[in-house]
Amino acid sequence: MGPFHPYVRPPHAPPPRPPTARTDDKAVVALVLGLLSIGCVGPVAGLPAIILGSRARRDIDRSNGALTGRAIAAAGVVSGLFGTGLGVVLALWAVGAVFDPDMTDEPLPAAGPALEAPADPPPTFTARPAPTTSGAHTYGSLEVVDLDDSRGLHAQLAEIVERSRGRTVVLQTNARGSAACAAVAAALPDERMRGALADVTLVRVDVDEYESELQEMRVVTTAAPWFYKLDAKGQPTDAMSGDAWGADLPENMAPVLGKFVHRAAPRRRGVR
C-alpha cells in the first residue's frame, strides 16, 4: 500500500464585499447651484438646481443602495426653489421701481400747487387787422386766402403779394379729401396757430386746379399740405412739408409753423 494522505477540506472562499456606495454627483451639483441661486444668480441657477436635484433623487431610489446623497439632492431642490422665488420677487420690484416714480427714494416736492411751464410757449405778437379780399378769412392778424379757380395762379399770387407788403406770404398746397389739410384748416382759429402765423397771409392753392402752374414753380403736387414762403415776385424761397410735425394737432403744428415762418430763407431756392 502506498502512503496515507489524509483528506484536508479546502477553506471556504470569503464572501464578496458589497460595492461601496458613492454620493450621486448630480445631488452635489444641485446643492451648489441652489446655494448660488439664493446668493445672487436667482432663477439662472435655481431652475437647474431643481431639475438636477429631482433627477438625483430618482436615480438614488433606483440604485438599490449604490448611490447616496438623497438628503443633499433634497436640499438642492429646496434651495433652488427658494432662490428662484426670491429672484422673481426682486425682478418684479426692480421693474416696479423703474415705472412707478412713487417707489423711488427721491424727495417729495414742497407742498403747494406746482405749475408746469410750457416747453415752447406761443410767441408774443402785436395783432393788427389783416387786409381782406374776396375769398379771404381772418383770424386776428392771420389772413387765409382761397384762390378763385376761374383765374390763373400767377396773376392772383402777384396781386396778393403786392397788397401784402410788410407781411409774410405763405403758399399752402391743398388737396380735396386730405385729412391733413382738413386738420390744418380746422386748427387755424386756435390761439396758438394765430400766434405762430401772426402777420402772415396764407394762400391755399388746390393742387388739382393748378397742377401745371404749381409744377412750373417747382411746387410739390403729389402730396399735401406743403408750405412755401413767397418772395416779392410770388416765387418760392423756402419750403416745408406737413410731415414736419407729428399728430395734426395745434400744439404740434404751431411751434413748427412759427419757426418756419420766421426763419431766414435758405440760399437754395425752390426747396422740395
Protein backbone atom coordinates (compact mmCIF):
# COMPACT_ATOMS: atom_id res chain seq x y z
CA MET A 1 0.00 0.00 0.00
CA GLY A 2 1.11 3.41 -0.66
CA PRO A 3 1.46 6.20 1.87
CA PHE A 4 -1.65 7.51 3.57
CA HIS A 5 -2.70 11.03 2.73
CA PRO A 6 -5.38 12.42 4.99
CA TYR A 7 -8.17 14.45 3.37
CA VAL A 8 -7.92 18.10 4.05
CA ARG A 9 -11.09 20.16 3.38
CA PRO A 10 -10.26 23.24 1.34
CA PRO A 11 -11.04 26.51 3.11
CA HIS A 12 -14.16 28.43 2.06
CA ALA A 13 -13.53 31.50 -0.09
CA PRO A 14 -14.53 34.76 1.68
CA PRO A 15 -17.86 36.19 0.50
CA PRO A 16 -17.57 39.05 -1.99
CA ARG A 17 -17.62 42.51 -0.47
CA PRO A 18 -20.64 44.62 -1.32
CA PRO A 19 -19.84 47.57 -3.56
CA THR A 20 -19.08 50.77 -1.74
CA ALA A 21 -21.96 53.28 -2.05
CA ARG A 22 -21.00 56.66 -3.51
CA THR A 23 -22.68 60.06 -3.46
CA ASP A 24 -24.54 60.97 -6.64
CA ASP A 25 -22.72 63.79 -8.45
CA LYS A 26 -25.98 65.43 -9.55
CA ALA A 27 -27.03 65.83 -5.93
CA VAL A 28 -23.84 67.75 -5.11
CA VAL A 29 -24.16 69.98 -8.18
CA ALA A 30 -27.83 70.65 -7.37
CA LEU A 31 -26.91 71.81 -3.86
CA VAL A 32 -24.16 74.11 -5.14
CA LEU A 33 -26.49 75.66 -7.74
CA GLY A 34 -29.24 76.07 -5.17
CA LEU A 35 -26.94 77.99 -2.83
CA LEU A 36 -25.81 80.19 -5.74
CA SER A 37 -29.42 80.96 -6.62
CA ILE A 38 -30.03 82.24 -3.10
CA GLY A 39 -26.88 84.33 -3.16
CA CYS A 40 -27.25 86.33 -6.34
CA VAL A 41 -27.98 84.36 -9.51
CA GLY A 42 -31.67 83.61 -8.87
CA PRO A 43 -33.55 81.53 -11.46
CA VAL A 44 -30.43 81.19 -13.62
CA ALA A 45 -29.02 78.72 -11.10
CA GLY A 46 -32.23 77.89 -9.23
CA LEU A 47 -34.02 76.15 -12.10
CA PRO A 48 -31.07 73.82 -12.94
CA ALA A 49 -30.77 73.04 -9.22
CA ILE A 50 -34.40 71.93 -9.10
CA ILE A 51 -34.04 69.75 -12.21
CA LEU A 52 -30.74 68.12 -11.19
CA GLY A 53 -31.89 67.56 -7.60
CA SER A 54 -35.07 65.83 -8.77
CA ARG A 55 -33.14 63.57 -11.15
CA ALA A 56 -30.58 62.73 -8.47
CA ARG A 57 -33.32 61.64 -6.05
CA ARG A 58 -34.86 59.46 -8.73
CA ASP A 59 -31.53 57.76 -9.59
CA ILE A 60 -30.68 57.23 -5.92
CA ASP A 61 -34.01 55.49 -5.29
CA ARG A 62 -33.38 53.16 -8.27
CA SER A 63 -29.75 52.31 -7.40
CA ASN A 64 -30.55 49.77 -4.65
CA GLY A 65 -28.09 51.41 -2.29
CA ALA A 66 -25.28 52.01 -4.80
CA LEU A 67 -25.88 55.74 -4.68
CA THR A 68 -26.33 58.04 -1.70
CA GLY A 69 -26.95 61.71 -1.21
CA ARG A 70 -30.73 61.85 -1.22
CA ALA A 71 -30.71 64.49 1.53
CA ILE A 72 -28.18 66.54 -0.41
CA ALA A 73 -30.38 66.38 -3.53
CA ALA A 74 -33.43 67.40 -1.50
CA ALA A 75 -31.50 70.36 -0.09
CA GLY A 76 -30.55 71.38 -3.63
CA VAL A 77 -34.21 71.29 -4.75
CA VAL A 78 -35.39 73.32 -1.74
CA SER A 79 -32.65 75.94 -2.07
CA GLY A 80 -33.28 76.15 -5.83
CA LEU A 81 -36.98 76.79 -5.26
CA PHE A 82 -36.25 79.47 -2.68
CA GLY A 83 -33.59 81.16 -4.82
CA THR A 84 -35.84 81.17 -7.89
CA GLY A 85 -38.74 82.68 -5.99
CA LEU A 86 -36.51 85.30 -4.41
CA GLY A 87 -35.07 86.25 -7.79
CA VAL A 88 -38.52 86.66 -9.34
CA VAL A 89 -39.68 88.88 -6.47
CA LEU A 90 -36.59 91.09 -6.75
CA ALA A 91 -37.02 91.38 -10.53
CA LEU A 92 -40.67 92.46 -10.15
CA TRP A 93 -39.69 95.00 -7.52
CA ALA A 94 -36.99 96.46 -9.78
CA VAL A 95 -39.43 96.79 -12.70
CA GLY A 96 -41.98 98.45 -10.45
CA ALA A 97 -39.37 100.92 -9.17
CA VAL A 98 -38.48 101.94 -12.72
CA PHE A 99 -42.05 102.51 -13.92
CA ASP A 100 -43.57 103.79 -10.66
CA PRO A 101 -41.97 107.03 -9.51
CA ASP A 102 -43.65 106.70 -6.10
CA MET A 103 -41.34 103.76 -5.29
CA THR A 104 -38.13 105.77 -5.76
CA ASP A 105 -36.19 107.39 -2.94
CA GLU A 106 -36.32 110.89 -4.42
CA PRO A 107 -37.57 113.59 -2.00
CA LEU A 108 -41.13 114.72 -2.36
CA PRO A 109 -41.74 118.19 -3.81
CA ALA A 110 -42.58 121.02 -1.47
CA ALA A 111 -46.22 121.44 -0.58
CA GLY A 112 -48.23 123.76 -2.74
CA PRO A 113 -49.51 123.84 -6.30
CA ALA A 114 -46.89 123.04 -8.93
CA LEU A 115 -47.21 124.80 -12.25
CA GLU A 116 -45.53 123.18 -15.24
CA ALA A 117 -44.02 125.74 -17.59
CA PRO A 118 -44.85 125.14 -21.23
CA ALA A 119 -41.94 123.69 -23.20
CA ASP A 120 -42.44 126.03 -26.13
CA PRO A 121 -44.80 128.92 -25.24
CA PRO A 122 -46.60 130.57 -28.13
CA PRO A 123 -44.76 133.62 -29.43
CA THR A 124 -45.97 137.03 -28.36
CA PHE A 125 -47.15 139.30 -31.12
CA THR A 126 -48.98 142.53 -31.70
CA ALA A 127 -52.10 141.76 -33.64
CA ARG A 128 -53.11 144.14 -36.36
CA PRO A 129 -56.03 143.84 -38.73
CA ALA A 130 -55.32 141.71 -41.78
CA PRO A 131 -56.29 143.02 -45.20
CA THR A 132 -59.37 141.36 -46.54
CA THR A 133 -60.29 140.42 -50.06
CA SER A 134 -62.77 138.20 -51.83
CA GLY A 135 -62.42 134.58 -50.64
CA ALA A 136 -60.37 135.59 -47.57
CA HIS A 137 -60.83 134.80 -43.88
CA THR A 138 -59.09 136.50 -40.98
CA TYR A 139 -58.12 135.09 -37.59
CA GLY A 140 -56.64 138.02 -35.70
CA SER A 141 -53.72 139.20 -37.85
CA LEU A 142 -53.66 135.94 -39.83
CA GLU A 143 -55.27 136.13 -43.26
CA VAL A 144 -56.28 132.97 -45.13
CA VAL A 145 -56.99 133.31 -48.86
CA ASP A 146 -58.65 130.72 -51.08
CA LEU A 147 -57.98 131.42 -54.77
CA ASP A 148 -60.59 131.98 -57.45
CA ASP A 149 -60.32 128.89 -59.67
CA SER A 150 -61.60 130.88 -62.66
CA ARG A 151 -58.36 132.91 -62.79
CA GLY A 152 -54.73 131.99 -63.34
CA LEU A 153 -52.46 131.22 -60.42
CA HIS A 154 -49.60 133.61 -61.23
CA ALA A 155 -51.83 136.65 -61.65
CA GLN A 156 -53.58 136.06 -58.33
CA LEU A 157 -50.32 135.46 -56.46
CA ALA A 158 -48.88 138.69 -57.88
CA GLU A 159 -51.91 140.65 -56.63
CA ILE A 160 -51.77 139.08 -53.18
CA VAL A 161 -48.04 139.70 -52.79
CA GLU A 162 -48.44 143.31 -53.95
CA ARG A 163 -51.16 144.19 -51.45
CA SER A 164 -49.49 142.21 -48.62
CA ARG A 165 -46.26 144.21 -48.46
CA GLY A 166 -44.82 144.10 -44.95
CA ARG A 167 -46.39 140.71 -44.32
CA THR A 168 -45.13 137.17 -44.88
CA VAL A 169 -46.93 135.43 -47.74
CA VAL A 170 -47.07 131.62 -47.49
CA LEU A 171 -48.48 129.35 -50.17
CA GLN A 172 -50.10 126.17 -48.84
CA THR A 173 -50.94 123.33 -51.20
CA ASN A 174 -54.38 121.90 -50.58
CA ALA A 175 -55.98 118.62 -51.70
CA ARG A 176 -59.64 117.71 -51.56
CA GLY A 177 -60.29 114.80 -49.22
CA SER A 178 -56.93 115.17 -47.42
CA ALA A 179 -57.33 114.64 -43.69
CA ALA A 180 -54.09 116.53 -43.01
CA CYS A 181 -55.26 119.59 -44.98
CA ALA A 182 -58.59 119.50 -43.17
CA ALA A 183 -56.79 119.33 -39.81
CA VAL A 184 -54.69 122.39 -40.65
CA ALA A 185 -57.80 124.34 -41.69
CA ALA A 186 -59.63 123.38 -38.50
CA ALA A 187 -56.66 124.45 -36.34
CA LEU A 188 -56.21 127.94 -37.81
CA PRO A 189 -58.65 129.67 -35.39
CA ASP A 190 -56.69 128.25 -32.43
CA GLU A 191 -54.86 130.91 -30.43
CA ARG A 192 -51.55 129.06 -30.74
CA MET A 193 -51.84 128.91 -34.52
CA ARG A 194 -52.82 132.59 -34.71
CA GLY A 195 -49.77 133.47 -32.63
CA ALA A 196 -47.40 131.37 -34.75
CA LEU A 197 -48.79 132.80 -38.00
CA ALA A 198 -49.16 136.42 -36.91
CA ASP A 199 -48.95 138.92 -39.81
CA VAL A 200 -48.99 136.05 -42.32
CA THR A 201 -51.09 135.80 -45.46
CA LEU A 202 -51.72 132.10 -46.05
CA VAL A 203 -52.72 131.36 -49.65
CA ARG A 204 -54.35 127.94 -50.08
CA VAL A 205 -53.90 126.53 -53.60
CA ASP A 206 -55.71 123.43 -54.86
CA VAL A 207 -53.20 121.01 -56.39
CA ASP A 208 -55.76 119.62 -58.83
CA GLU A 209 -56.91 123.01 -60.14
CA TYR A 210 -53.42 124.48 -60.54
CA GLU A 211 -51.25 121.40 -61.00
CA SER A 212 -49.37 122.55 -64.13
CA GLU A 213 -48.71 126.07 -62.83
CA LEU A 214 -47.54 124.73 -59.47
CA GLN A 215 -45.15 122.35 -61.19
CA GLU A 216 -43.71 125.28 -63.16
CA MET A 217 -42.97 126.90 -59.80
CA ARG A 218 -41.30 123.66 -58.62
CA VAL A 219 -44.00 123.13 -56.01
CA VAL A 220 -44.78 119.59 -54.89
CA THR A 221 -48.18 118.43 -56.15
CA THR A 222 -48.01 114.72 -55.27
CA ALA A 223 -48.59 115.28 -51.55
CA ALA A 224 -50.32 117.91 -49.45
CA PRO A 225 -50.03 120.04 -47.48
CA TRP A 226 -46.72 121.70 -48.34
CA PHE A 227 -45.87 125.26 -47.27
CA TYR A 228 -43.82 127.72 -49.39
CA LYS A 229 -42.73 131.22 -48.44
CA LEU A 230 -43.04 133.58 -51.41
CA ASP A 231 -40.81 136.50 -52.30
CA ALA A 232 -41.86 139.89 -53.73
CA LYS A 233 -42.29 138.28 -57.16
CA GLY A 234 -44.52 135.48 -55.88
CA GLN A 235 -41.77 132.83 -56.22
CA PRO A 236 -40.95 130.17 -53.57
CA THR A 237 -37.90 130.84 -51.41
CA ASP A 238 -38.31 128.23 -48.66
CA ALA A 239 -40.43 125.11 -48.22
CA MET A 240 -41.64 122.73 -45.54
CA SER A 241 -43.73 119.56 -45.66
CA GLY A 242 -46.77 118.95 -43.48
CA ASP A 243 -44.94 115.84 -42.25
CA ALA A 244 -42.61 118.07 -40.21
CA TRP A 245 -44.74 117.58 -37.08
CA GLY A 246 -46.35 114.51 -35.56
CA ALA A 247 -50.08 114.30 -34.98
CA ASP A 248 -52.08 117.03 -36.70
CA LEU A 249 -52.87 118.98 -33.52
CA PRO A 250 -52.48 122.74 -32.88
CA GLU A 251 -49.92 122.15 -30.12
CA ASN A 252 -47.75 120.24 -32.61
CA MET A 253 -48.31 122.39 -35.69
CA ALA A 254 -47.99 125.88 -34.18
CA PRO A 255 -44.34 125.72 -32.98
CA VAL A 256 -43.12 124.16 -36.25
CA LEU A 257 -45.01 126.61 -38.47
CA GLY A 258 -43.86 129.54 -36.35
CA LYS A 259 -40.20 128.57 -36.74
CA PHE A 260 -40.69 128.05 -40.48
CA VAL A 261 -42.33 131.46 -40.98
CA HIS A 262 -39.72 133.40 -39.02
CA ARG A 263 -36.53 131.59 -40.06
CA ALA A 264 -34.21 133.07 -42.68
CA ALA A 265 -34.77 131.78 -46.21
CA PRO A 266 -32.16 129.24 -47.38
CA ARG A 267 -29.73 130.15 -50.11
CA ARG A 268 -31.09 127.47 -52.42
CA ARG A 269 -34.47 128.41 -53.87
CA GLY A 270 -37.28 126.03 -54.65
CA VAL A 271 -36.54 123.58 -51.84
CA ARG A 272 -38.57 120.44 -52.47
